[in-house]
C-alpha atoms as a PDB file:
ATOM      1  CA  UNK A   1      14.593 -14.104  -8.588  1.00  0.00           C
ATOM      2  CA  UNK A   2      17.127 -16.621  -9.968  1.00  0.00           C
ATOM      3  CA  UNK A   3      19.742 -16.153 -12.419  1.00  0.00           C
ATOM      4  CA  UNK A   4      21.393 -19.521 -13.672  1.00  0.00           C
ATOM      5  CA  UNK A   5      20.281 -21.122 -10.546  1.00  0.00           C
ATOM      6  CA  UNK A   6      21.664 -18.508  -8.110  1.00  0.00           C
ATOM      7  CA  UNK A   7      19.188 -16.557  -6.217  1.00  0.00           C
ATOM      8  CA  UNK A   8      19.309 -12.748  -6.758  1.00  0.00           C
ATOM      9  CA  UNK A   9      18.159 -10.618  -3.848  1.00  0.00           C
ATOM     10  CA  UNK A  10      17.647  -6.862  -3.213  1.00  0.00           C
ATOM     11  CA  UNK A  11      20.185  -5.446  -0.962  1.00  0.00           C
ATOM     12  CA  UNK A  12      19.251  -5.157   2.523  1.00  0.00           C
ATOM     13  CA  UNK A  13      18.470  -1.313   3.663  1.00  0.00           C
ATOM     14  CA  UNK A  14      21.208  -1.571   6.495  1.00  0.00           C
ATOM     15  CA  UNK A  15      23.957  -1.703   3.799  1.00  0.00           C
ATOM     16  CA  UNK A  16      22.935   1.718   2.688  1.00  0.00           C
ATOM     17  CA  UNK A  17      25.114   2.914   5.727  1.00  0.00           C
ATOM     18  CA  UNK A  18      28.269   1.174   4.535  1.00  0.00           C
ATOM     19  CA  UNK A  19      29.727   3.314   1.894  1.00  0.00           C
ATOM     20  CA  UNK A  20      31.791   0.414  -0.047  1.00  0.00           C
ATOM     21  CA  UNK A  21      28.421  -1.496  -0.520  1.00  0.00           C
ATOM     22  CA  UNK A  22      26.889   1.421  -2.590  1.00  0.00           C
ATOM     23  CA  UNK A  23      23.739   1.323  -4.732  1.00  0.00           C
ATOM     24  CA  UNK A  24      26.377   1.005  -7.899  1.00  0.00           C
ATOM     25  CA  UNK A  25      27.915  -2.314  -6.936  1.00  0.00           C
ATOM     26  CA  UNK A  26      26.583  -5.773  -6.650  1.00  0.00           C
ATOM     27  CA  UNK A  27      27.795  -8.487  -3.742  1.00  0.00           C
ATOM     28  CA  UNK A  28      28.263 -12.178  -4.059  1.00  0.00           C
ATOM     29  CA  UNK A  29      27.811 -13.794  -0.747  1.00  0.00           C
ATOM     30  CA  UNK A  30      27.276 -17.463  -1.150  1.00  0.00           C
ATOM     31  CA  UNK A  31      24.614 -18.630  -2.179  1.00  0.00           C
ATOM     32  CA  UNK A  32      23.124 -14.998  -2.994  1.00  0.00           C
ATOM     33  CA  UNK A  33      23.806 -12.188  -5.474  1.00  0.00           C
ATOM     34  CA  UNK A  34      22.865  -8.969  -3.792  1.00  0.00           C
ATOM     35  CA  UNK A  35      21.925  -5.930  -6.092  1.00  0.00           C
ATOM     36  CA  UNK A  36      20.177  -2.525  -5.543  1.00  0.00           C
ATOM     37  CA  UNK A  37      16.432  -2.070  -5.618  1.00  0.00           C
ATOM     38  CA  UNK A  38      16.761  -0.295  -9.175  1.00  0.00           C
ATOM     39  CA  UNK A  39      19.047  -3.023 -10.710  1.00  0.00           C
ATOM     40  CA  UNK A  40      16.716  -5.839  -9.228  1.00  0.00           C
ATOM     41  CA  UNK A  41      13.566  -3.790 -10.860  1.00  0.00           C
ATOM     42  CA  UNK A  42      15.350  -3.788 -14.178  1.00  0.00           C
ATOM     43  CA  UNK A  43      16.558  -7.431 -14.211  1.00  0.00           C
ATOM     44  CA  UNK A  44      13.013  -8.528 -13.363  1.00  0.00           C
ATOM     45  CA  UNK A  45      11.293  -6.819 -16.243  1.00  0.00           C
ATOM     46  CA  UNK A  46      10.995  -8.250 -19.750  1.00  0.00           C
ATOM     47  CA  UNK A  47      13.885  -6.670 -21.385  1.00  0.00           C
ATOM     48  CA  UNK A  48      16.803  -6.236 -18.708  1.00  0.00           C
ATOM     49  CA  UNK A  49      19.811  -3.895 -19.425  1.00  0.00           C
ATOM     50  CA  UNK A  50      22.675  -5.919 -20.835  1.00  0.00           C
ATOM     51  CA  UNK A  51      25.029  -4.232 -18.372  1.00  0.00           C
ATOM     52  CA  UNK A  52      23.167  -5.479 -15.426  1.00  0.00           C
ATOM     53  CA  UNK A  53      23.309  -8.985 -16.917  1.00  0.00           C
ATOM     54  CA  UNK A  54      26.942  -8.810 -17.203  1.00  0.00           C
ATOM     55  CA  UNK A  55      27.170  -7.830 -13.599  1.00  0.00           C
ATOM     56  CA  UNK A  56      25.137 -10.882 -12.786  1.00  0.00           C
ATOM     57  CA  UNK A  57      27.513 -13.028 -14.851  1.00  0.00           C
ATOM     58  CA  UNK A  58      30.426 -11.531 -13.121  1.00  0.00           C
ATOM     59  CA  UNK A  59      29.067 -12.015  -9.640  1.00  0.00           C
ATOM     60  CA  UNK A  60      28.225 -15.677 -10.721  1.00  0.00           C
ATOM     61  CA  UNK A  61      31.912 -16.276 -10.973  1.00  0.00           C
ATOM     62  CA  UNK A  62      32.444 -15.207  -7.560  1.00  0.00           C
ATOM     63  CA  UNK A  63      29.815 -17.354  -6.298  1.00  0.00           C
ATOM     64  CA  UNK A  64      31.529 -20.339  -8.261  1.00  0.00           C
ATOM     65  CA  UNK A  65      34.889 -19.469  -6.364  1.00  0.00           C
ATOM     66  CA  UNK A  66      33.248 -19.422  -2.958  1.00  0.00           C
END
């Protein structure tokens, strides 16, 4: 999936073992934004939660800085 030309991906399973990469956060690692499976599913729907869209916008700023 893409958000304003930035690739949004589900977090890899291995990240579940790293506490500060919890399912409640998103990570921007150029050129991708990583979100939890649940958030990814919501964002893929026809009416995504506005809070998750705000998270993508926030992470987009990190990508721009990188």
